[in-house]
Amino acid sequence: MYADLKMLIDGVWTEGTGARREAVLNPANEQVLGDLPVAERADLDRALAAAGAAQAGWAATLPKERCRILRGAADILRGQNEDIARAMTMEQGKTLAEARMEAAVGADILEWYAEEGKRSYGRVIPPSNPIVLQQMMVKEPVGPVAAFTPWNFPVVTPARKIGAALAAGCTLIIKPSEETPAGALAIARALMEMGLPKGVLNMVFGVPAEISEHLIASDVIKKISFTGSIPVGKLLTRMAADSMKRVTMELGGHGPVIVFDDVDVEQAAAMAVAGKFRNAGQVCVSPTRFFVQEKSYGDFVDTFAAKAKALKIGDGLEDGVQMGPLANARRVDAIDGLVRDAVERGAKLKTGGERIGNSGYFYAPTVLADVPDHAKVMNDEPFGPVAPIVSFKTFDEAVHQANRLPFGLAGYAFTNSAETSARIGAALQTGLVGLNSFTISMPETPFGGVKESGYGSEGGIEGLDAYLATKFITQAGAV
């Protein structure tokens, strides 16, 4: 059964004060899964009041008690893995195997922050002034947080924000994606089952612009955390600047992949196909621009295209399916437009390049070779199952191509040379670098970009620190 779609405000599951609803669709067949309540201004005001009222009590709660609640919620989620995964596949489209993994990682994130929240240490600083007896730095929760998450990872992304904020002692109002609400709701229910005090976590849905404008303008909110597109991230950052609210922005990318001549082409292509078409390419750190050294270029293109063409496409709930539908109709239109533009500009279509079927949002895994720099797909994040591949000659040429865009989230390189690995790892202008691997995100590691791909980190101790304010205390002798 699909999730019971309600909002959580001040400890109460509610359908809100208004009559507006938004349908949640299954992207594999376009059928309606449920109707989601849309928050009105009165609902948002209740959530703000609840988060503000609960802040002092939650900040004063012992870290070991916050740990107990988060760890217990993680255990509950693990017990519900199959139900959460099936709901995720139904609403988002990714394969059931990918959904199971994501649900498991979401639980791991909560558990990791449960433990790390007990270690938000300060430090004692030896004084240099003889009249000072003691100097120390302490960490305090920054205060109520407004968080916004997208549709592509409906469990992992909310888990990062919820886990870090709650572990740090912050209350939270989160607006998950209206297209994929079930995973975030499962996290909220698990936390409430563990006894999370009312008002500490509030979950609302609705019109994104209405909610973000109202929450960010409120004096209650002290920090904004957003995962999504670069244009929206810039808009929210400008809004937050009006009241100097702290921000964490995890925005889009256009991940370069540099394949040097010294690798096993078959193995590198197999890894690249698995990385590229995970979640149908709808991943912010997805490998999206492939630069292959000229000696291996032809073999890599042919091997990559053959493996992409062999992928089994279908409803993610079906056995053996390796790639599901795109999440919505607008992604299909966007990908088709990028492919047509590239071909018109001289790219060679090696496989794919077309929609599949007349029901659901399916698009064939697509491989483009000899793609010119001015094609849109080489400059705009595709966020879908299309892989442009071009050749390069020298190390410097590859670095120039990888760094020429204003994005800097993730970059990858494949080489068997220790020297080349060290040089390319240092040269890539990205917040995340994968060398001979596409695995760059774990609960214990920082996740974030540079340049226009964002500001700040989620995950790791850096993710916890984003929700903590630094206070310096100095003490002199008696007066």
Protein backbone atom coordinates (compact mmCIF):
# COMPACT_ATOMS: atom_id res chain seq x y z
CA MET A 1 0.00 0.00 0.00
CA TYR A 2 1.15 3.54 -0.70
CA ALA A 3 1.75 6.05 2.10
CA ASP A 4 -0.92 7.91 4.06
CA LEU A 5 -0.22 11.43 2.82
CA LYS A 6 -0.45 14.03 5.56
CA MET A 7 1.62 16.85 6.98
CA LEU A 8 3.23 16.88 10.42
CA ILE A 9 2.78 20.13 12.35
CA ASP A 10 3.43 20.53 16.06
CA GLY A 11 3.32 16.80 16.65
CA VAL A 12 -0.02 16.31 14.87
CA TRP A 13 -0.61 14.55 11.56
CA THR A 14 -2.87 16.84 9.58
CA GLU A 15 -4.35 17.48 6.15
CA GLY A 16 -4.00 21.21 6.73
CA THR A 17 -6.49 24.03 6.86
CA GLY A 18 -7.18 24.33 3.13
CA ALA A 19 -8.81 22.27 0.43
CA ARG A 20 -5.96 22.25 -2.09
CA ARG A 21 -4.46 18.88 -2.98
CA GLU A 22 -1.69 17.71 -5.33
CA ALA A 23 -1.73 14.32 -7.03
CA VAL A 24 1.28 12.00 -6.67
CA LEU A 25 1.83 10.02 -9.88
CA ASN A 26 3.55 6.75 -10.69
CA PRO A 27 6.02 7.64 -13.49
CA ALA A 28 5.93 4.10 -14.88
CA ASN A 29 2.23 4.23 -15.76
CA GLU A 30 1.06 7.78 -14.92
CA GLN A 31 -1.52 6.47 -12.46
CA VAL A 32 -2.43 8.49 -9.37
CA LEU A 33 -0.98 7.06 -6.17
CA GLY A 34 -2.51 9.53 -3.75
CA ASP A 35 -3.43 13.13 -3.04
CA LEU A 36 -1.06 15.27 -1.01
CA PRO A 37 -2.34 18.15 1.15
CA VAL A 38 -1.07 21.61 0.24
CA ALA A 39 -0.01 23.88 3.10
CA GLU A 40 -1.72 27.22 3.46
CA ARG A 41 -0.23 30.26 5.17
CA ALA A 42 -1.99 29.34 8.42
CA ASP A 43 -0.37 25.90 8.36
CA LEU A 44 3.07 27.42 7.84
CA ASP A 45 2.50 29.86 10.70
CA ARG A 46 1.60 26.95 12.98
CA ALA A 47 4.77 25.12 11.94
CA LEU A 48 6.88 28.22 12.59
CA ALA A 49 5.33 28.73 16.00
CA ALA A 50 5.86 25.06 16.86
CA ALA A 51 9.51 25.04 15.77
CA GLY A 52 10.20 28.27 17.65
CA ALA A 53 8.51 27.05 20.84
CA ALA A 54 10.31 23.70 20.79
CA GLN A 55 13.81 25.06 20.11
CA ALA A 56 14.93 25.80 23.66
CA GLY A 57 13.76 22.46 25.02
CA TRP A 58 15.31 20.45 22.20
CA ALA A 59 18.63 22.34 22.45
CA ALA A 60 18.69 21.55 26.18
CA THR A 61 17.94 17.86 25.61
CA LEU A 62 20.94 15.72 26.46
CA PRO A 63 22.84 14.56 23.36
CA LYS A 64 22.50 10.94 24.47
CA GLU A 65 18.69 11.33 24.45
CA ARG A 66 18.77 12.86 20.98
CA CYS A 67 20.99 9.91 20.03
CA ARG A 68 18.47 7.43 21.41
CA ILE A 69 15.65 8.88 19.32
CA LEU A 70 17.67 9.03 16.09
CA ARG A 71 19.13 5.53 16.51
CA GLY A 72 15.73 4.10 17.32
CA ALA A 73 14.26 5.73 14.23
CA ALA A 74 17.06 4.23 12.14
CA ASP A 75 16.20 0.76 13.44
CA ILE A 76 12.52 1.29 12.64
CA LEU A 77 13.38 2.32 9.09
CA ARG A 78 15.52 -0.78 8.63
CA GLY A 79 12.56 -2.91 9.63
CA GLN A 80 10.41 -1.13 7.04
CA ASN A 81 13.00 -1.24 4.24
CA GLU A 82 10.90 -3.21 1.76
CA ASP A 83 7.76 -1.09 2.20
CA ILE A 84 9.72 2.15 1.94
CA ALA A 85 11.60 0.92 -1.12
CA ARG A 86 8.44 -0.16 -2.96
CA ALA A 87 6.76 3.18 -2.25
CA MET A 88 9.87 4.98 -3.48
CA THR A 89 9.93 3.02 -6.73
CA MET A 90 6.23 3.62 -7.28
CA GLU A 91 6.49 7.40 -6.88
CA GLN A 92 9.97 8.11 -8.25
CA GLY A 93 10.68 5.33 -10.77
CA LYS A 94 14.10 4.05 -9.71
CA THR A 95 14.59 0.29 -9.62
CA LEU A 96 13.59 -1.61 -6.51
CA ALA A 97 17.22 -2.63 -5.92
CA GLU A 98 18.30 1.02 -5.94
CA ALA A 99 15.38 1.98 -3.70
CA ARG A 100 16.25 -0.71 -1.15
CA MET A 101 19.81 0.55 -1.04
CA GLU A 102 18.70 4.16 -0.62
CA ALA A 103 16.32 3.28 2.21
CA ALA A 104 19.14 1.43 3.96
CA VAL A 105 21.54 4.35 3.53
CA GLY A 106 18.92 6.74 4.90
CA ALA A 107 18.79 4.70 8.10
CA ASP A 108 22.60 4.66 8.24
CA ILE A 109 22.66 8.46 7.99
CA LEU A 110 20.32 8.86 10.95
CA GLU A 111 22.42 6.43 12.99
CA TRP A 112 25.67 8.16 12.06
CA TYR A 113 24.36 11.56 13.14
CA ALA A 114 22.94 10.03 16.31
CA GLU A 115 26.47 9.09 17.32
CA GLU A 116 28.21 12.18 15.97
CA GLY A 117 25.78 14.46 17.82
CA LYS A 118 27.41 13.32 21.05
CA ARG A 119 30.74 14.64 19.80
CA SER A 120 30.03 18.27 18.91
CA TYR A 121 33.02 19.31 21.02
CA GLY A 122 34.43 22.75 21.72
CA ARG A 123 37.97 23.39 22.86
CA VAL A 124 40.01 25.18 25.54
CA ILE A 125 42.41 27.79 24.14
CA PRO A 126 45.45 28.73 26.26
CA PRO A 127 45.35 32.50 26.87
CA SER A 128 48.11 34.86 25.77
CA ASN A 129 46.96 37.69 28.03
CA PRO A 130 48.05 37.24 31.70
CA ILE A 131 44.81 38.71 33.10
CA VAL A 132 42.72 36.04 31.33
CA LEU A 133 42.07 32.91 33.36
CA GLN A 134 40.32 30.85 30.69
CA GLN A 135 39.41 30.91 27.03
CA MET A 136 37.11 28.40 25.43
CA MET A 137 35.10 27.82 22.29
CA VAL A 138 31.75 26.06 22.47
CA LYS A 139 29.27 24.93 19.84
CA GLU A 140 25.57 25.74 20.10
CA PRO A 141 22.62 24.84 17.83
CA VAL A 142 22.04 27.61 15.34
CA GLY A 143 18.26 27.48 15.88
CA PRO A 144 15.17 26.55 13.86
CA VAL A 145 15.93 25.42 10.30
CA ALA A 146 13.94 25.53 7.06
CA ALA A 147 14.96 22.71 4.71
CA PHE A 148 13.95 21.89 1.15
CA THR A 149 14.65 18.60 -0.66
CA PRO A 150 14.13 17.38 -4.27
CA TRP A 151 12.48 14.33 -5.78
CA ASN A 152 15.46 12.29 -7.00
CA PHE A 153 16.57 10.87 -3.62
CA PRO A 154 13.42 10.89 -1.47
CA VAL A 155 15.01 9.24 1.59
CA VAL A 156 18.72 10.05 1.59
CA THR A 157 18.39 13.81 1.11
CA PRO A 158 15.75 14.38 3.83
CA ALA A 159 17.70 12.03 6.13
CA ARG A 160 20.82 14.18 5.78
CA LYS A 161 19.03 17.36 6.75
CA ILE A 162 16.80 15.86 9.45
CA GLY A 163 19.60 13.80 10.99
CA ALA A 164 22.13 16.63 11.15
CA ALA A 165 19.69 19.28 12.37
CA LEU A 166 18.18 17.13 15.11
CA ALA A 167 21.56 15.79 16.25
CA ALA A 168 22.85 19.36 16.55
CA GLY A 169 19.87 20.38 18.69
CA CYS A 170 17.96 22.35 16.04
CA THR A 171 14.25 22.17 15.36
CA LEU A 172 13.26 21.83 11.74
CA ILE A 173 10.57 22.59 9.18
CA ILE A 174 11.21 20.53 6.07
CA LYS A 175 9.45 20.62 2.73
CA PRO A 176 10.23 17.42 0.82
CA SER A 177 9.29 17.09 -2.83
CA GLU A 178 5.58 16.90 -3.52
CA GLU A 179 6.30 14.31 -6.21
CA THR A 180 8.01 11.88 -3.82
CA PRO A 181 6.72 12.36 -0.25
CA ALA A 182 6.60 8.79 1.07
CA GLY A 183 10.21 8.38 2.17
CA ALA A 184 10.36 11.60 4.16
CA LEU A 185 7.04 10.75 5.79
CA ALA A 186 8.44 7.37 6.82
CA ILE A 187 11.37 9.11 8.52
CA ALA A 188 9.03 11.48 10.35
CA ARG A 189 6.78 8.64 11.53
CA ALA A 190 9.77 6.69 12.81
CA LEU A 191 11.01 9.67 14.79
CA MET A 192 7.58 10.34 16.28
CA GLU A 193 7.30 6.67 17.23
CA MET A 194 10.57 7.05 19.16
CA GLY A 195 9.12 9.93 21.17
CA LEU A 196 10.46 12.99 19.36
CA PRO A 197 8.90 15.98 21.18
CA LYS A 198 6.18 17.83 19.33
CA GLY A 199 7.31 20.75 17.22
CA VAL A 200 10.89 19.55 16.86
CA LEU A 201 10.22 18.20 13.36
CA ASN A 202 7.53 19.69 11.15
CA MET A 203 6.89 18.45 7.61
CA VAL A 204 4.88 20.45 5.09
CA PHE A 205 4.05 20.18 1.40
CA GLY A 206 2.67 22.60 -1.13
CA VAL A 207 3.63 25.26 -3.65
CA PRO A 208 7.44 25.57 -3.37
CA ALA A 209 7.61 29.34 -3.95
CA GLU A 210 4.85 30.04 -1.43
CA ILE A 211 6.48 27.92 1.27
CA SER A 212 10.07 29.09 0.75
CA GLU A 213 9.14 32.77 0.66
CA HIS A 214 7.07 32.53 3.84
CA LEU A 215 9.53 30.44 5.85
CA ILE A 216 12.68 32.31 4.84
CA ALA A 217 11.09 35.67 5.63
CA SER A 218 10.23 34.57 9.18
CA ASP A 219 12.37 35.72 12.10
CA VAL A 220 11.90 32.25 13.62
CA ILE A 221 14.10 30.59 11.01
CA LYS A 222 17.85 30.90 11.54
CA LYS A 223 19.22 28.64 8.80
CA ILE A 224 18.27 27.47 5.32
CA SER A 225 19.31 24.13 3.81
CA PHE A 226 18.43 23.51 0.18
CA THR A 227 19.16 20.76 -2.32
CA GLY A 228 18.06 21.46 -5.88
CA SER A 229 18.76 23.49 -8.99
CA ILE A 230 21.27 26.31 -9.27
CA PRO A 231 18.72 29.01 -10.26
CA VAL A 232 16.46 28.22 -7.29
CA GLY A 233 19.47 27.98 -4.98
CA LYS A 234 20.62 31.44 -6.00
CA LEU A 235 17.12 32.82 -5.43
CA LEU A 236 16.85 31.32 -1.95
CA THR A 237 20.35 32.54 -1.06
CA ARG A 238 19.36 36.10 -2.01
CA MET A 239 16.23 35.80 0.10
CA ALA A 240 18.20 34.48 3.08
CA ALA A 241 20.71 37.33 2.76
CA ASP A 242 18.05 39.90 3.62
CA SER A 243 18.12 38.71 7.24
CA MET A 244 21.63 37.20 7.20
CA LYS A 245 20.39 33.65 7.64
CA ARG A 246 22.98 30.90 7.34
CA VAL A 247 22.66 28.73 4.24
CA THR A 248 23.78 25.36 2.96
CA MET A 249 23.29 25.03 -0.78
CA GLU A 250 23.76 21.67 -2.51
CA LEU A 251 23.08 22.55 -6.13
CA GLY A 252 23.51 21.04 -9.57
CA GLY A 253 26.60 19.88 -11.40
CA HIS A 254 27.80 18.53 -14.73
CA GLY A 255 30.21 15.82 -13.66
CA PRO A 256 33.23 15.32 -15.95
CA VAL A 257 34.71 11.83 -16.32
CA ILE A 258 38.28 11.63 -17.61
CA VAL A 259 39.37 8.20 -18.89
CA PHE A 260 43.10 7.89 -19.54
CA ASP A 261 44.69 5.47 -21.99
CA ASP A 262 46.24 3.23 -19.33
CA VAL A 263 42.96 1.71 -18.05
CA ASP A 264 41.14 -1.48 -18.99
CA VAL A 265 38.54 -0.15 -21.44
CA GLU A 266 36.03 -2.94 -20.84
CA GLN A 267 36.11 -2.48 -17.07
CA ALA A 268 36.04 1.32 -17.23
CA ALA A 269 33.08 1.30 -19.64
CA ALA A 270 31.14 -1.16 -17.48
CA MET A 271 31.65 1.04 -14.40
CA ALA A 272 30.74 4.15 -16.38
CA VAL A 273 27.46 2.67 -17.66
CA ALA A 274 26.47 1.60 -14.15
CA GLY A 275 27.28 5.05 -12.80
CA LYS A 276 25.69 7.00 -15.64
CA PHE A 277 22.33 5.24 -15.77
CA ARG A 278 21.79 4.85 -12.02
CA ASN A 279 18.41 6.41 -11.27
CA ALA A 280 18.12 7.04 -15.02
CA GLY A 281 20.87 9.64 -14.73
CA GLN A 282 18.78 11.76 -12.36
CA VAL A 283 21.59 12.24 -9.86
CA CYS A 284 23.30 15.54 -9.05
CA VAL A 285 26.70 13.79 -8.98
CA SER A 286 25.95 11.71 -12.06
CA PRO A 287 28.83 11.33 -14.55
CA THR A 288 27.64 13.51 -17.41
CA ARG A 289 30.55 14.51 -19.66
CA PHE A 290 32.94 11.77 -20.74
CA PHE A 291 36.43 12.69 -21.95
CA VAL A 292 38.36 9.67 -23.22
CA GLN A 293 42.00 9.76 -24.30
CA GLU A 294 42.27 9.27 -28.06
CA LYS A 295 44.03 5.87 -28.06
CA SER A 296 41.11 4.27 -26.17
CA TYR A 297 38.32 6.49 -27.50
CA GLY A 298 36.88 4.29 -30.24
CA ASP A 299 36.86 1.12 -28.15
CA PHE A 300 35.38 2.95 -25.17
CA VAL A 301 32.56 4.48 -27.22
CA ASP A 302 31.62 1.16 -28.82
CA THR A 303 31.77 -0.77 -25.53
CA PHE A 304 29.87 1.90 -23.62
CA ALA A 305 27.14 2.11 -26.27
CA ALA A 306 26.74 -1.68 -26.45
CA LYS A 307 26.37 -1.97 -22.68
CA ALA A 308 23.92 0.94 -22.55
CA LYS A 309 21.81 -0.57 -25.32
CA ALA A 310 21.69 -3.90 -23.46
CA LEU A 311 20.17 -2.40 -20.30
CA LYS A 312 16.70 -3.69 -19.47
CA ILE A 313 14.26 -0.79 -19.18
CA GLY A 314 10.89 -1.00 -17.47
CA ASP A 315 8.84 -0.54 -14.31
CA GLY A 316 11.29 -0.52 -11.43
CA LEU A 317 9.16 -3.05 -9.54
CA GLU A 318 9.73 -5.71 -12.21
CA ASP A 319 12.44 -8.33 -11.80
CA GLY A 320 15.61 -7.76 -13.78
CA VAL A 321 14.90 -4.13 -14.70
CA GLN A 322 18.12 -2.09 -14.68
CA MET A 323 16.68 1.36 -15.38
CA GLY A 324 13.22 2.70 -14.69
CA PRO A 325 11.34 5.69 -16.08
CA LEU A 326 12.27 9.29 -15.65
CA ALA A 327 10.51 10.92 -12.72
CA ASN A 328 8.16 13.17 -14.67
CA ALA A 329 7.12 14.28 -18.14
CA ARG A 330 9.22 17.45 -18.10
CA ARG A 331 12.42 15.39 -17.78
CA VAL A 332 11.51 13.42 -20.91
CA ASP A 333 10.98 16.61 -22.88
CA ALA A 334 14.22 18.11 -21.57
CA ILE A 335 16.34 15.07 -22.47
CA ASP A 336 14.79 14.74 -25.91
CA GLY A 337 15.56 18.40 -26.57
CA LEU A 338 19.20 18.00 -25.55
CA VAL A 339 19.65 14.95 -27.77
CA ARG A 340 18.08 16.60 -30.80
CA ASP A 341 20.21 19.70 -30.33
CA ALA A 342 23.42 17.65 -30.11
CA VAL A 343 22.65 15.66 -33.26
CA GLU A 344 21.76 18.84 -35.15
CA ARG A 345 25.15 20.27 -34.17
CA GLY A 346 27.05 17.24 -35.47
CA ALA A 347 27.11 14.68 -32.65
CA LYS A 348 26.85 11.01 -33.61
CA LEU A 349 23.97 9.10 -32.06
CA LYS A 350 25.37 5.69 -31.09
CA THR A 351 22.26 4.33 -29.34
CA GLY A 352 18.98 5.54 -27.86
CA GLY A 353 17.71 9.00 -28.61
CA GLU A 354 14.01 8.20 -28.36
CA ARG A 355 11.13 7.79 -25.98
CA ILE A 356 9.98 4.28 -25.15
CA GLY A 357 6.32 3.27 -25.25
CA ASN A 358 3.21 5.41 -24.99
CA SER A 359 2.63 5.11 -21.24
CA GLY A 360 4.96 6.31 -18.52
CA TYR A 361 8.02 8.54 -18.75
CA PHE A 362 10.53 6.19 -20.36
CA TYR A 363 13.51 7.33 -22.43
CA ALA A 364 16.10 5.02 -23.95
CA PRO A 365 19.65 5.10 -22.57
CA THR A 366 21.38 7.41 -25.02
CA VAL A 367 25.03 7.66 -26.06
CA LEU A 368 26.39 10.52 -28.17
CA ALA A 369 29.90 10.57 -29.65
CA ASP A 370 32.01 13.40 -31.08
CA VAL A 371 29.83 15.97 -29.34
CA PRO A 372 30.90 19.57 -30.05
CA ASP A 373 31.57 21.90 -27.12
CA HIS A 374 28.77 24.25 -28.13
CA ALA A 375 26.06 21.58 -27.92
CA LYS A 376 23.65 22.24 -25.05
CA VAL A 377 24.28 18.84 -23.49
CA MET A 378 27.93 19.79 -22.98
CA ASN A 379 26.99 22.98 -21.13
CA ASP A 380 23.65 22.33 -19.37
CA GLU A 381 23.22 19.64 -16.73
CA PRO A 382 21.23 16.90 -18.51
CA PHE A 383 19.85 15.14 -15.39
CA GLY A 384 18.81 12.14 -17.40
CA PRO A 385 19.96 9.03 -19.32
CA VAL A 386 22.20 10.68 -21.92
CA ALA A 387 25.99 10.33 -22.10
CA PRO A 388 28.03 12.64 -24.37
CA ILE A 389 31.54 11.33 -25.13
CA VAL A 390 34.45 13.19 -26.71
CA SER A 391 38.17 12.48 -27.11
CA PHE A 392 41.21 14.32 -25.78
CA LYS A 393 44.95 14.15 -26.37
CA THR A 394 46.81 15.61 -23.40
CA PHE A 395 46.38 15.87 -19.64
CA ASP A 396 46.10 19.66 -19.82
CA GLU A 397 43.41 19.45 -22.50
CA ALA A 398 41.34 17.10 -20.33
CA VAL A 399 41.67 19.37 -17.29
CA HIS A 400 40.64 22.41 -19.33
CA GLN A 401 37.53 20.63 -20.62
CA ALA A 402 36.59 19.33 -17.18
CA ASN A 403 36.94 22.74 -15.48
CA ARG A 404 35.61 25.06 -18.18
CA LEU A 405 32.02 25.18 -16.85
CA PRO A 406 30.88 27.22 -13.81
CA PHE A 407 29.80 24.02 -12.02
CA GLY A 408 31.92 22.15 -9.49
CA LEU A 409 30.06 19.39 -7.69
CA ALA A 410 31.61 16.05 -8.69
CA GLY A 411 34.39 14.94 -11.02
CA TYR A 412 35.86 11.55 -11.84
CA ALA A 413 39.00 10.14 -13.40
CA PHE A 414 40.17 6.63 -14.32
CA THR A 415 43.86 5.81 -14.52
CA ASN A 416 46.30 3.17 -13.30
CA SER A 417 49.06 5.73 -12.78
CA ALA A 418 49.65 6.91 -9.22
CA GLU A 419 51.21 10.11 -10.54
CA THR A 420 48.27 10.85 -12.84
CA SER A 421 45.81 10.13 -10.01
CA ALA A 422 47.54 12.63 -7.74
CA ARG A 423 47.73 15.29 -10.46
CA ILE A 424 44.12 14.96 -11.67
CA GLY A 425 42.74 14.81 -8.13
CA ALA A 426 44.42 18.14 -7.41
CA ALA A 427 43.47 19.68 -10.77
CA LEU A 428 39.72 19.02 -10.80
CA GLN A 429 37.75 22.04 -9.55
CA THR A 430 35.02 20.09 -7.79
CA GLY A 431 33.96 19.51 -4.21
CA LEU A 432 33.92 15.74 -4.74
CA VAL A 433 36.45 13.65 -6.69
CA GLY A 434 36.20 9.96 -7.49
CA LEU A 435 39.39 8.26 -8.70
CA ASN A 436 38.69 4.87 -10.31
CA SER A 437 35.33 4.95 -8.54
CA PHE A 438 31.90 6.54 -8.74
CA THR A 439 31.29 6.02 -5.01
CA ILE A 440 31.76 9.47 -3.48
CA SER A 441 28.99 9.77 -0.91
CA MET A 442 28.81 7.99 2.46
CA PRO A 443 27.23 9.04 5.77
CA GLU A 444 30.62 9.79 7.30
CA THR A 445 32.00 11.89 4.42
CA PRO A 446 31.38 15.54 3.44
CA PHE A 447 29.15 16.17 0.43
CA GLY A 448 29.09 19.52 -1.33
CA GLY A 449 30.30 21.54 -4.28
CA VAL A 450 32.27 24.62 -5.26
CA LYS A 451 31.71 27.40 -7.80
CA GLU A 452 28.01 27.55 -8.76
CA SER A 453 27.36 24.05 -7.44
CA GLY A 454 26.79 25.34 -3.97
CA TYR A 455 28.09 26.35 -0.60
CA GLY A 456 28.77 24.26 2.50
CA SER A 457 28.70 20.52 3.06
CA GLU A 458 26.26 17.87 4.13
CA GLY A 459 27.40 14.54 5.52
CA GLY A 460 30.31 13.89 7.83
CA ILE A 461 31.33 16.13 10.70
CA GLU A 462 31.07 19.05 8.29
CA GLY A 463 27.36 18.35 7.90
CA LEU A 464 26.82 18.51 11.65
CA ASP A 465 28.89 21.68 11.99
CA ALA A 466 26.62 23.40 9.47
CA TYR A 467 23.89 23.41 12.12
CA LEU A 468 26.11 24.67 14.96
CA ALA A 469 27.10 28.23 15.84
CA THR A 470 30.53 28.99 17.29
CA LYS A 471 30.69 30.91 20.58
CA PHE A 472 33.93 32.11 22.18
CA ILE A 473 33.98 32.69 25.95
CA THR A 474 36.80 34.43 27.77
CA GLN A 475 37.04 34.77 31.55
CA ALA A 476 39.28 37.08 33.56
CA GLY A 477 39.83 37.24 37.32
CA ALA A 478 37.54 38.75 39.94
CA VAL A 479 36.82 42.49 39.82
